[in-house]
């Protein structure tokens, strides 16, 4: 499994959610089947409360992680939209973040 933490600026929370739920996820239908599979095996978890530093942490869970699959948001956007729109939407995503994504590859224990 791959876990990505997205620390979102408090004043950009609405923009981040709009990106995920209106711009990014619905357009997965435009992707090839292999890319669509990556979306079907990815979940987005929303924070229940604000972090001490004021940010909100959204979690992307890729479960199970598909070996050799690309999970690049920019790569997906370029397949969904024109080059200009892809760059615009990627900027919307990155400018919502307080700092770069944190990623962890983990395995489930047997218990």
PDB file of N, CA and C in Angstrom:
ATOM      1  N   UNK A   1       0.850  -1.165   0.000  1.00  0.00           N
ATOM      2  CA  UNK A   1       0.000   0.000   0.000  1.00  0.00           C
ATOM      3  C   UNK A   1       0.899   1.233   0.000  1.00  0.00           C
ATOM      4  N   UNK A   2       0.413   2.274  -0.639  1.00  0.00           N
ATOM      5  CA  UNK A   2       1.134   3.543  -0.650  1.00  0.00           C
ATOM      6  C   UNK A   2       0.234   4.568   0.014  1.00  0.00           C
ATOM      7  N   UNK A   3       0.795   5.313   0.953  1.00  0.00           N
ATOM      8  CA  UNK A   3       0.071   6.339   1.684  1.00  0.00           C
ATOM      9  C   UNK A   3       0.691   7.684   1.341  1.00  0.00           C
ATOM     10  N   UNK A   4      -0.116   8.614   0.847  1.00  0.00           N
ATOM     11  CA  UNK A   4       0.350   9.970   0.553  1.00  0.00           C
ATOM     12  C   UNK A   4      -0.390  10.948   1.450  1.00  0.00           C
ATOM     13  N   UNK A   5       0.375  11.767   2.165  1.00  0.00           N
ATOM     14  CA  UNK A   5      -0.200  12.786   3.027  1.00  0.00           C
ATOM     15  C   UNK A   5      -0.129  14.131   2.317  1.00  0.00           C
ATOM     16  N   UNK A   6      -1.244  14.807   2.284  1.00  0.00           N
ATOM     17  CA  UNK A   6      -1.355  16.127   1.649  1.00  0.00           C
ATOM     18  C   UNK A   6      -1.735  17.132   2.720  1.00  0.00           C
ATOM     19  N   UNK A   7      -0.813  17.999   3.094  1.00  0.00           N
ATOM     20  CA  UNK A   7      -1.050  19.006   4.126  1.00  0.00           C
ATOM     21  C   UNK A   7      -1.546  20.268   3.430  1.00  0.00           C
ATOM     22  N   UNK A   8      -2.831  20.549   3.588  1.00  0.00           N
ATOM     23  CA  UNK A   8      -3.500  21.618   2.853  1.00  0.00           C
ATOM     24  C   UNK A   8      -3.600  22.874   3.711  1.00  0.00           C
ATOM     25  N   UNK A   9      -3.304  24.006   3.065  1.00  0.00           N
ATOM     26  CA  UNK A   9      -3.411  25.306   3.731  1.00  0.00           C
ATOM     27  C   UNK A   9      -4.867  25.537   4.142  1.00  0.00           C
ATOM     28  N   UNK A  10      -5.084  26.130   5.311  1.00  0.00           N
ATOM     29  CA  UNK A  10      -6.462  26.333   5.771  1.00  0.00           C
ATOM     30  C   UNK A  10      -7.320  27.153   4.815  1.00  0.00           C
ATOM     31  N   UNK A  11      -6.735  28.160   4.197  1.00  0.00           N
ATOM     32  CA  UNK A  11      -7.510  29.004   3.290  1.00  0.00           C
ATOM     33  C   UNK A  11      -7.654  28.406   1.895  1.00  0.00           C
ATOM     34  N   UNK A  12      -7.075  27.222   1.672  1.00  0.00           N
ATOM     35  CA  UNK A  12      -7.154  26.565   0.355  1.00  0.00           C
ATOM     36  C   UNK A  12      -7.908  25.231   0.425  1.00  0.00           C
ATOM     37  N   UNK A  13      -8.487  24.945   1.577  1.00  0.00           N
ATOM     38  CA  UNK A  13      -9.187  23.668   1.755  1.00  0.00           C
ATOM     39  C   UNK A  13     -10.316  23.485   0.740  1.00  0.00           C
ATOM     40  N   UNK A  14     -11.125  24.506   0.555  1.00  0.00           N
ATOM     41  CA  UNK A  14     -12.231  24.422  -0.399  1.00  0.00           C
ATOM     42  C   UNK A  14     -11.712  24.204  -1.822  1.00  0.00           C
ATOM     43  N   UNK A  15     -10.638  24.886  -2.182  1.00  0.00           N
ATOM     44  CA  UNK A  15     -10.028  24.722  -3.507  1.00  0.00           C
ATOM     45  C   UNK A  15      -9.509  23.305  -3.689  1.00  0.00           C
ATOM     46  N   UNK A  16      -8.853  22.768  -2.667  1.00  0.00           N
ATOM     47  CA  UNK A  16      -8.316  21.405  -2.729  1.00  0.00           C
ATOM     48  C   UNK A  16      -9.448  20.400  -2.938  1.00  0.00           C
ATOM     49  N   UNK A  17     -10.515  20.535  -2.172  1.00  0.00           N
ATOM     50  CA  UNK A  17     -11.640  19.603  -2.309  1.00  0.00           C
ATOM     51  C   UNK A  17     -12.316  19.742  -3.673  1.00  0.00           C
ATOM     52  N   UNK A  18     -12.411  20.968  -4.179  1.00  0.00           N
ATOM     53  CA  UNK A  18     -12.972  21.162  -5.514  1.00  0.00           C
ATOM     54  C   UNK A  18     -12.092  20.455  -6.548  1.00  0.00           C
ATOM     55  N   UNK A  19     -10.778  20.601  -6.418  1.00  0.00           N
ATOM     56  CA  UNK A  19      -9.862  19.937  -7.341  1.00  0.00           C
ATOM     57  C   UNK A  19     -10.096  18.426  -7.321  1.00  0.00           C
ATOM     58  N   UNK A  20     -10.106  17.839  -6.138  1.00  0.00           N
ATOM     59  CA  UNK A  20     -10.247  16.384  -6.018  1.00  0.00           C
ATOM     60  C   UNK A  20     -11.604  15.910  -6.549  1.00  0.00           C
ATOM     61  N   UNK A  21     -12.682  16.540  -6.086  1.00  0.00           N
ATOM     62  CA  UNK A  21     -14.021  16.002  -6.328  1.00  0.00           C
ATOM     63  C   UNK A  21     -14.722  16.505  -7.582  1.00  0.00           C
ATOM     64  N   UNK A  22     -14.268  17.624  -8.140  1.00  0.00           N
ATOM     65  CA  UNK A  22     -14.936  18.151  -9.335  1.00  0.00           C
ATOM     66  C   UNK A  22     -14.046  18.144 -10.579  1.00  0.00           C
ATOM     67  N   UNK A  23     -12.748  18.272 -10.378  1.00  0.00           N
ATOM     68  CA  UNK A  23     -11.832  18.395 -11.518  1.00  0.00           C
ATOM     69  C   UNK A  23     -11.079  17.102 -11.790  1.00  0.00           C
ATOM     70  N   UNK A  24     -10.576  16.472 -10.745  1.00  0.00           N
ATOM     71  CA  UNK A  24      -9.674  15.330 -10.909  1.00  0.00           C
ATOM     72  C   UNK A  24     -10.411  13.990 -10.991  1.00  0.00           C
ATOM     73  N   UNK A  25     -11.075  13.598  -9.936  1.00  0.00           N
ATOM     74  CA  UNK A  25     -11.650  12.253  -9.873  1.00  0.00           C
ATOM     75  C   UNK A  25     -12.699  11.985 -10.949  1.00  0.00           C
ATOM     76  N   UNK A  26     -13.636  12.876 -11.201  1.00  0.00           N
ATOM     77  CA  UNK A  26     -14.660  12.584 -12.211  1.00  0.00           C
ATOM     78  C   UNK A  26     -14.095  12.368 -13.619  1.00  0.00           C
ATOM     79  N   UNK A  27     -12.944  12.948 -13.909  1.00  0.00           N
ATOM     80  CA  UNK A  27     -12.375  12.829 -15.255  1.00  0.00           C
ATOM     81  C   UNK A  27     -11.613  11.523 -15.476  1.00  0.00           C
ATOM     82  N   UNK A  28     -11.522  10.698 -14.455  1.00  0.00           N
ATOM     83  CA  UNK A  28     -10.842   9.408 -14.604  1.00  0.00           C
ATOM     84  C   UNK A  28     -11.488   8.555 -15.690  1.00  0.00           C
ATOM     85  N   UNK A  29     -12.742   8.809 -15.987  1.00  0.00           N
ATOM     86  CA  UNK A  29     -13.431   8.046 -17.041  1.00  0.00           C
ATOM     87  C   UNK A  29     -12.773   8.258 -18.403  1.00  0.00           C
ATOM     88  N   UNK A  30     -12.006   9.319 -18.559  1.00  0.00           N
ATOM     89  CA  UNK A  30     -11.329   9.600 -19.823  1.00  0.00           C
ATOM     90  C   UNK A  30     -10.024   8.823 -19.979  1.00  0.00           C
ATOM     91  N   UNK A  31      -9.596   8.139 -18.935  1.00  0.00           N
ATOM     92  CA  UNK A  31      -8.303   7.457 -18.942  1.00  0.00           C
ATOM     93  C   UNK A  31      -8.405   6.050 -19.514  1.00  0.00           C
ATOM     94  N   UNK A  32      -7.255   5.534 -19.876  1.00  0.00           N
ATOM     95  CA  UNK A  32      -7.170   4.146 -20.335  1.00  0.00           C
ATOM     96  C   UNK A  32      -7.486   3.218 -19.155  1.00  0.00           C
ATOM     97  N   UNK A  33      -7.905   1.980 -19.432  1.00  0.00           N
ATOM     98  CA  UNK A  33      -8.270   1.048 -18.355  1.00  0.00           C
ATOM     99  C   UNK A  33      -7.200   0.866 -17.275  1.00  0.00           C
ATOM    100  N   UNK A  34      -5.935   0.812 -17.653  1.00  0.00           N
ATOM    101  CA  UNK A  34      -4.871   0.618 -16.650  1.00  0.00           C
ATOM    102  C   UNK A  34      -4.823   1.792 -15.677  1.00  0.00           C
ATOM    103  N   UNK A  35      -4.976   3.011 -16.197  1.00  0.00           N
ATOM    104  CA  UNK A  35      -4.989   4.191 -15.336  1.00  0.00           C
ATOM    105  C   UNK A  35      -6.262   4.241 -14.493  1.00  0.00           C
ATOM    106  N   UNK A  36      -7.389   3.832 -15.063  1.00  0.00           N
ATOM    107  CA  UNK A  36      -8.638   3.808 -14.312  1.00  0.00           C
ATOM    108  C   UNK A  36      -8.543   2.837 -13.132  1.00  0.00           C
ATOM    109  N   UNK A  37      -7.812   1.761 -13.333  1.00  0.00           N
ATOM    110  CA  UNK A  37      -7.631   0.788 -12.247  1.00  0.00           C
ATOM    111  C   UNK A  37      -6.922   1.441 -11.066  1.00  0.00           C
ATOM    112  N   UNK A  38      -5.933   2.278 -11.332  1.00  0.00           N
ATOM    113  CA  UNK A  38      -5.235   2.991 -10.260  1.00  0.00           C
ATOM    114  C   UNK A  38      -6.221   3.854  -9.468  1.00  0.00           C
ATOM    115  N   UNK A  39      -7.156   4.489 -10.151  1.00  0.00           N
ATOM    116  CA  UNK A  39      -8.170   5.299  -9.468  1.00  0.00           C
ATOM    117  C   UNK A  39      -9.095   4.430  -8.626  1.00  0.00           C
ATOM    118  N   UNK A  40      -9.520   3.295  -9.161  1.00  0.00           N
ATOM    119  CA  UNK A  40     -10.442   2.424  -8.421  1.00  0.00           C
ATOM    120  C   UNK A  40      -9.800   1.881  -7.155  1.00  0.00           C
ATOM    121  N   UNK A  41      -8.481   1.778  -7.145  1.00  0.00           N
ATOM    122  CA  UNK A  41      -7.778   1.225  -5.993  1.00  0.00           C
ATOM    123  C   UNK A  41      -7.157   2.326  -5.122  1.00  0.00           C
ATOM    124  N   UNK A  42      -7.654   3.532  -5.283  1.00  0.00           N
ATOM    125  CA  UNK A  42      -7.191   4.666  -4.484  1.00  0.00           C
ATOM    126  C   UNK A  42      -8.373   5.264  -3.737  1.00  0.00           C
ATOM    127  N   UNK A  43      -8.147   5.543  -2.473  1.00  0.00           N
ATOM    128  CA  UNK A  43      -9.161   6.194  -1.648  1.00  0.00           C
ATOM    129  C   UNK A  43      -8.627   7.537  -1.174  1.00  0.00           C
ATOM    130  N   UNK A  44      -9.524   8.481  -0.962  1.00  0.00           N
ATOM    131  CA  UNK A  44      -9.171   9.781  -0.397  1.00  0.00           C
ATOM    132  C   UNK A  44      -9.860   9.892   0.951  1.00  0.00           C
ATOM    133  N   UNK A  45      -9.073  10.171   1.972  1.00  0.00           N
ATOM    134  CA  UNK A  45      -9.615  10.342   3.316  1.00  0.00           C
ATOM    135  C   UNK A  45      -9.541  11.817   3.693  1.00  0.00           C
ATOM    136  N   UNK A  46     -10.645  12.345   4.186  1.00  0.00           N
ATOM    137  CA  UNK A  46     -10.727  13.751   4.581  1.00  0.00           C
ATOM    138  C   UNK A  46     -10.429  13.884   6.076  1.00  0.00           C
ATOM    139  N   UNK A  47      -9.814  14.991   6.467  1.00  0.00           N
ATOM    140  CA  UNK A  47      -9.535  15.192   7.887  1.00  0.00           C
ATOM    141  C   UNK A  47     -10.809  15.477   8.671  1.00  0.00           C
ATOM    142  N   UNK A  48     -10.804  15.062   9.922  1.00  0.00           N
ATOM    143  CA  UNK A  48     -11.917  15.324  10.815  1.00  0.00           C
ATOM    144  C   UNK A  48     -11.741  16.691  11.481  1.00  0.00           C
ATOM    145  N   UNK A  49     -10.486  17.053  11.700  1.00  0.00           N
ATOM    146  CA  UNK A  49     -10.214  18.337  12.333  1.00  0.00           C
ATOM    147  C   UNK A  49      -8.913  18.929  11.815  1.00  0.00           C
ATOM    148  N   UNK A  50      -8.704  20.163  12.163  1.00  0.00           N
ATOM    149  CA  UNK A  50      -7.520  20.909  11.755  1.00  0.00           C
ATOM    150  C   UNK A  50      -6.315  20.450  12.577  1.00  0.00           C
ATOM    151  N   UNK A  51      -5.139  20.443  11.961  1.00  0.00           N
ATOM    152  CA  UNK A  51      -3.894  20.129  12.670  1.00  0.00           C
ATOM    153  C   UNK A  51      -3.487  21.309  13.549  1.00  0.00           C
ATOM    154  N   UNK A  52      -2.563  21.067  14.470  1.00  0.00           N
ATOM    155  CA  UNK A  52      -2.096  22.127  15.371  1.00  0.00           C
ATOM    156  C   UNK A  52      -1.509  23.320  14.622  1.00  0.00           C
ATOM    157  N   UNK A  53      -0.883  23.051  13.461  1.00  0.00           N
ATOM    158  CA  UNK A  53      -0.280  24.145  12.693  1.00  0.00           C
ATOM    159  C   UNK A  53      -1.284  24.859  11.785  1.00  0.00           C
ATOM    160  N   UNK A  54      -2.559  24.477  11.867  1.00  0.00           N
ATOM    161  CA  UNK A  54      -3.598  25.120  11.076  1.00  0.00           C
ATOM    162  C   UNK A  54      -3.918  24.418   9.769  1.00  0.00           C
ATOM    163  N   UNK A  55      -3.059  23.511   9.322  1.00  0.00           N
ATOM    164  CA  UNK A  55      -3.297  22.799   8.060  1.00  0.00           C
ATOM    165  C   UNK A  55      -4.329  21.697   8.255  1.00  0.00           C
ATOM    166  N   UNK A  56      -4.757  21.123   7.134  1.00  0.00           N
ATOM    167  CA  UNK A  56      -5.638  19.969   7.125  1.00  0.00           C
ATOM    168  C   UNK A  56      -4.929  18.870   6.345  1.00  0.00           C
ATOM    169  N   UNK A  57      -4.893  17.658   6.891  1.00  0.00           N
ATOM    170  CA  UNK A  57      -4.203  16.560   6.224  1.00  0.00           C
ATOM    171  C   UNK A  57      -5.195  15.625   5.551  1.00  0.00           C
ATOM    172  N   UNK A  58      -5.093  15.553   4.224  1.00  0.00           N
ATOM    173  CA  UNK A  58      -5.870  14.627   3.411  1.00  0.00           C
ATOM    174  C   UNK A  58      -4.956  13.462   3.063  1.00  0.00           C
ATOM    175  N   UNK A  59      -5.508  12.266   3.102  1.00  0.00           N
ATOM    176  CA  UNK A  59      -4.713  11.061   2.880  1.00  0.00           C
ATOM    177  C   UNK A  59      -5.186  10.379   1.607  1.00  0.00           C
ATOM    178  N   UNK A  60      -4.241  10.051   0.736  1.00  0.00           N
ATOM    179  CA  UNK A  60      -4.519   9.209  -0.427  1.00  0.00           C
ATOM    180  C   UNK A  60      -3.976   7.826  -0.093  1.00  0.00           C
ATOM    181  N   UNK A  61      -4.815   6.800  -0.216  1.00  0.00           N
ATOM    182  CA  UNK A  61      -4.404   5.414   0.015  1.00  0.00           C
ATOM    183  C   UNK A  61      -4.489   4.655  -1.293  1.00  0.00           C
ATOM    184  N   UNK A  62      -3.369   4.175  -1.780  1.00  0.00           N
ATOM    185  CA  UNK A  62      -3.339   3.336  -2.964  1.00  0.00           C
ATOM    186  C   UNK A  62      -3.234   1.897  -2.471  1.00  0.00           C
ATOM    187  N   UNK A  63      -4.362   1.177  -2.565  1.00  0.00           N
ATOM    188  CA  UNK A  63      -4.434  -0.136  -1.930  1.00  0.00           C
ATOM    189  C   UNK A  63      -5.265  -1.100  -2.764  1.00  0.00           C
ATOM    190  N   UNK A  64      -4.626  -2.104  -3.337  1.00  0.00           N
ATOM    191  CA  UNK A  64      -3.186  -2.336  -3.293  1.00  0.00           C
ATOM    192  C   UNK A  64      -2.449  -1.450  -4.307  1.00  0.00           C
ATOM    193  N   UNK A  65      -1.203  -1.234  -4.016  1.00  0.00           N
ATOM    194  CA  UNK A  65      -0.332  -0.473  -4.914  1.00  0.00           C
ATOM    195  C   UNK A  65      -0.082  -1.319  -6.163  1.00  0.00           C
ATOM    196  N   UNK A  66      -0.247  -0.722  -7.317  1.00  0.00           N
ATOM    197  CA  UNK A  66      -0.025  -1.437  -8.573  1.00  0.00           C
ATOM    198  C   UNK A  66       1.431  -1.245  -8.981  1.00  0.00           C
ATOM    199  N   UNK A  67       2.206  -2.319  -9.019  1.00  0.00           N
ATOM    200  CA  UNK A  67       3.619  -2.181  -9.395  1.00  0.00           C
ATOM    201  C   UNK A  67       3.755  -1.553 -10.788  1.00  0.00           C
ATOM    202  N   UNK A  68       4.701  -0.668 -10.925  1.00  0.00           N
ATOM    203  CA  UNK A  68       5.028  -0.005 -12.189  1.00  0.00           C
ATOM    204  C   UNK A  68       3.931   0.933 -12.718  1.00  0.00           C
ATOM    205  N   UNK A  69       2.877   1.156 -11.945  1.00  0.00           N
ATOM    206  CA  UNK A  69       1.850   2.109 -12.375  1.00  0.00           C
ATOM    207  C   UNK A  69       2.312   3.523 -12.048  1.00  0.00           C
ATOM    208  N   UNK A  70       1.889   4.463 -12.855  1.00  0.00           N
ATOM    209  CA  UNK A  70       2.173   5.866 -12.579  1.00  0.00           C
ATOM    210  C   UNK A  70       1.001   6.443 -11.800  1.00  0.00           C
ATOM    211  N   UNK A  71       1.304   7.065 -10.688  1.00  0.00           N
ATOM    212  CA  UNK A  71       0.280   7.734  -9.893  1.00  0.00           C
ATOM    213  C   UNK A  71       0.473   9.245  -9.931  1.00  0.00           C
ATOM    214  N   UNK A  72       1.215   9.731 -10.876  1.00  0.00           N
ATOM    215  CA  UNK A  72       1.515  11.151 -10.991  1.00  0.00           C
ATOM    216  C   UNK A  72       0.251  11.948 -11.325  1.00  0.00           C
ATOM    217  N   UNK A  73      -0.069  12.895 -10.473  1.00  0.00           N
ATOM    218  CA  UNK A  73      -1.252  13.718 -10.702  1.00  0.00           C
ATOM    219  C   UNK A  73      -1.104  14.508 -11.992  1.00  0.00           C
ATOM    220  N   UNK A  74       0.063  15.074 -12.220  1.00  0.00           N
ATOM    221  CA  UNK A  74       0.280  15.830 -13.457  1.00  0.00           C
ATOM    222  C   UNK A  74       0.121  14.923 -14.678  1.00  0.00           C
ATOM    223  N   UNK A  75       0.654  13.726 -14.612  1.00  0.00           N
ATOM    224  CA  UNK A  75       0.521  12.778 -15.724  1.00  0.00           C
ATOM    225  C   UNK A  75      -0.951  12.481 -16.015  1.00  0.00           C
ATOM    226  N   UNK A  76      -1.734  12.257 -14.975  1.00  0.00           N
ATOM    227  CA  UNK A  76      -3.161  12.010 -15.170  1.00  0.00           C
ATOM    228  C   UNK A  76      -3.847  13.238 -15.769  1.00  0.00           C
ATOM    229  N   UNK A  77      -3.547  14.415 -15.226  1.00  0.00           N
ATOM    230  CA  UNK A  77      -4.181  15.638 -15.733  1.00  0.00           C
ATOM    231  C   UNK A  77      -3.882  15.847 -17.217  1.00  0.00           C
ATOM    232  N   UNK A  78      -2.653  15.539 -17.626  1.00  0.00           N
ATOM    233  CA  UNK A  78      -2.273  15.702 -19.036  1.00  0.00           C
ATOM    234  C   UNK A  78      -3.041  14.745 -19.945  1.00  0.00           C
ATOM    235  N   UNK A  79      -3.496  13.637 -19.398  1.00  0.00           N
ATOM    236  CA  UNK A  79      -4.297  12.685 -20.169  1.00  0.00           C
ATOM    237  C   UNK A  79      -5.776  13.067 -20.175  1.00  0.00           C
ATOM    238  N   UNK A  80      -6.191  13.854 -19.212  1.00  0.00           N
ATOM    239  CA  UNK A  80      -7.593  14.231 -19.066  1.00  0.00           C
ATOM    240  C   UNK A  80      -7.939  15.545 -19.753  1.00  0.00           C
ATOM    241  N   UNK A  81      -6.971  16.459 -19.800  1.00  0.00           N
ATOM    242  CA  UNK A  81      -7.222  17.822 -20.251  1.00  0.00           C
ATOM    243  C   UNK A  81      -6.166  18.259 -21.262  1.00  0.00           C
ATOM    244  N   UNK A  82      -6.399  19.415 -21.841  1.00  0.00           N
ATOM    245  CA  UNK A  82      -5.393  20.016 -22.713  1.00  0.00           C
ATOM    246  C   UNK A  82      -4.153  20.340 -21.875  1.00  0.00           C
ATOM    247  N   UNK A  83      -3.031  20.559 -22.528  1.00  0.00           N
ATOM    248  CA  UNK A  83      -1.794  20.874 -21.821  1.00  0.00           C
ATOM    249  C   UNK A  83      -1.955  22.117 -20.941  1.00  0.00           C
ATOM    250  N   UNK A  84      -2.611  23.132 -21.486  1.00  0.00           N
ATOM    251  CA  UNK A  84      -2.814  24.386 -20.742  1.00  0.00           C
ATOM    252  C   UNK A  84      -3.673  24.167 -19.501  1.00  0.00           C
ATOM    253  N   UNK A  85      -4.791  23.455 -19.663  1.00  0.00           N
ATOM    254  CA  UNK A  85      -5.680  23.184 -18.537  1.00  0.00           C
ATOM    255  C   UNK A  85      -4.998  22.290 -17.505  1.00  0.00           C
ATOM    256  N   UNK A  86      -4.239  21.306 -17.963  1.00  0.00           N
ATOM    257  CA  UNK A  86      -3.533  20.406 -17.051  1.00  0.00           C
ATOM    258  C   UNK A  86      -2.581  21.201 -16.157  1.00  0.00           C
ATOM    259  N   UNK A  87      -1.837  22.124 -16.746  1.00  0.00           N
ATOM    260  CA  UNK A  87      -0.912  22.950 -15.959  1.00  0.00           C
ATOM    261  C   UNK A  87      -1.672  23.836 -14.982  1.00  0.00           C
ATOM    262  N   UNK A  88      -2.776  24.409 -15.423  1.00  0.00           N
ATOM    263  CA  UNK A  88      -3.597  25.274 -14.561  1.00  0.00           C
ATOM    264  C   UNK A  88      -4.126  24.482 -13.356  1.00  0.00           C
ATOM    265  N   UNK A  89      -4.652  23.298 -13.615  1.00  0.00           N
ATOM    266  CA  UNK A  89      -5.210  22.486 -12.533  1.00  0.00           C
ATOM    267  C   UNK A  89      -4.118  21.946 -11.612  1.00  0.00           C
ATOM    268  N   UNK A  90      -2.968  21.614 -12.177  1.00  0.00           N
ATOM    269  CA  UNK A  90      -1.869  21.132 -11.335  1.00  0.00           C
ATOM    270  C   UNK A  90      -1.392  22.254 -10.411  1.00  0.00           C
ATOM    271  N   UNK A  91      -1.364  23.461 -10.915  1.00  0.00           N
ATOM    272  CA  UNK A  91      -0.987  24.618 -10.097  1.00  0.00           C
ATOM    273  C   UNK A  91      -2.014  24.801  -8.979  1.00  0.00           C
ATOM    274  N   UNK A  92      -3.288  24.627  -9.289  1.00  0.00           N
ATOM    275  CA  UNK A  92      -4.346  24.714  -8.281  1.00  0.00           C
ATOM    276  C   UNK A  92      -4.077  23.709  -7.161  1.00  0.00           C
ATOM    277  N   UNK A  93      -3.719  22.488  -7.550  1.00  0.00           N
ATOM    278  CA  UNK A  93      -3.425  21.430  -6.580  1.00  0.00           C
ATOM    279  C   UNK A  93      -2.203  21.784  -5.735  1.00  0.00           C
ATOM    280  N   UNK A  94      -1.093  22.090  -6.382  1.00  0.00           N
ATOM    281  CA  UNK A  94       0.155  22.318  -5.641  1.00  0.00           C
ATOM    282  C   UNK A  94       0.099  23.568  -4.771  1.00  0.00           C
ATOM    283  N   UNK A  95      -0.601  24.598  -5.229  1.00  0.00           N
ATOM    284  CA  UNK A  95      -0.698  25.817  -4.430  1.00  0.00           C
ATOM    285  C   UNK A  95      -1.618  25.651  -3.227  1.00  0.00           C
ATOM    286  N   UNK A  96      -2.377  24.580  -3.197  1.00  0.00           N
ATOM    287  CA  UNK A  96      -3.217  24.284  -2.040  1.00  0.00           C
ATOM    288  C   UNK A  96      -2.407  23.655  -0.906  1.00  0.00           C
ATOM    289  N   UNK A  97      -1.268  23.090  -1.255  1.00  0.00           N
ATOM    290  CA  UNK A  97      -0.461  22.369  -0.267  1.00  0.00           C
ATOM    291  C   UNK A  97       0.416  23.316   0.537  1.00  0.00           C
ATOM    292  N   UNK A  98       0.515  23.028   1.824  1.00  0.00           N
ATOM    293  CA  UNK A  98       1.370  23.793   2.722  1.00  0.00           C
ATOM    294  C   UNK A  98       2.836  23.402   2.546  1.00  0.00           C
ATOM    295  N   UNK A  99       3.056  22.153   2.146  1.00  0.00           N
ATOM    296  CA  UNK A  99       4.396  21.609   1.893  1.00  0.00           C
ATOM    297  C   UNK A  99       4.234  20.412   0.956  1.00  0.00           C
ATOM    298  N   UNK A 100       5.341  19.910   0.401  1.00  0.00           N
ATOM    299  CA  UNK A 100       5.231  18.775  -0.532  1.00  0.00           C
ATOM    300  C   UNK A 100       4.557  17.555   0.116  1.00  0.00           C
ATOM    301  N   UNK A 101       3.940  16.741  -0.732  1.00  0.00           N
ATOM    302  CA  UNK A 101       3.338  15.498  -0.264  1.00  0.00           C
ATOM    303  C   UNK A 101       4.380  14.656   0.458  1.00  0.00           C
ATOM    304  N   UNK A 102       3.916  13.909   1.453  1.00  0.00           N
ATOM    305  CA  UNK A 102       4.753  12.917   2.116  1.00  0.00           C
ATOM    306  C   UNK A 102       4.227  11.553   1.686  1.00  0.00           C
ATOM    307  N   UNK A 103       5.128  10.677   1.242  1.00  0.00           N
ATOM    308  CA  UNK A 103       4.699   9.369   0.801  1.00  0.00           C
ATOM    309  C   UNK A 103       5.368   8.250   1.558  1.00  0.00           C
ATOM    310  N   UNK A 104       4.601   7.195   1.826  1.00  0.00           N
ATOM    311  CA  UNK A 104       5.101   6.037   2.550  1.00  0.00           C
ATOM    312  C   UNK A 104       4.573   4.771   1.892  1.00  0.00           C
ATOM    313  N   UNK A 105       5.459   3.853   1.606  1.00  0.00           N
ATOM    314  CA  UNK A 105       5.042   2.542   1.135  1.00  0.00           C
ATOM    315  C   UNK A 105       5.033   1.626   2.347  1.00  0.00           C
ATOM    316  N   UNK A 106       3.896   0.991   2.598  1.00  0.00           N
ATOM    317  CA  UNK A 106       3.723   0.170   3.791  1.00  0.00           C
ATOM    318  C   UNK A 106       3.105  -1.171   3.412  1.00  0.00           C
ATOM    319  N   UNK A 107       3.251  -2.139   4.316  1.00  0.00           N
ATOM    320  CA  UNK A 107       2.604  -3.431   4.123  1.00  0.00           C
ATOM    321  C   UNK A 107       1.755  -3.720   5.360  1.00  0.00           C
ATOM    322  N   UNK A 108       0.714  -4.458   5.146  1.00  0.00           N
ATOM    323  CA  UNK A 108      -0.182  -4.807   6.233  1.00  0.00           C
ATOM    324  C   UNK A 108       0.391  -5.989   6.992  1.00  0.00           C
ATOM    325  N   UNK A 109       0.319  -5.931   8.313  1.00  0.00           N
ATOM    326  CA  UNK A 109       0.773  -7.064   9.115  1.00  0.00           C
ATOM    327  C   UNK A 109      -0.251  -8.188   9.006  1.00  0.00           C
ATOM    328  N   UNK A 110       0.145  -9.355   9.441  1.00  0.00           N
ATOM    329  CA  UNK A 110      -0.782 -10.472   9.368  1.00  0.00           C
ATOM    330  C   UNK A 110      -1.861 -10.417  10.453  1.00  0.00           C
ATOM    331  N   UNK A 111      -1.752  -9.476  11.375  1.00  0.00           N
ATOM    332  CA  UNK A 111      -2.739  -9.343  12.459  1.00  0.00           C
ATOM    333  C   UNK A 111      -3.525  -8.082  12.319  1.00  0.00           C
TER     334      UNK A 111
END
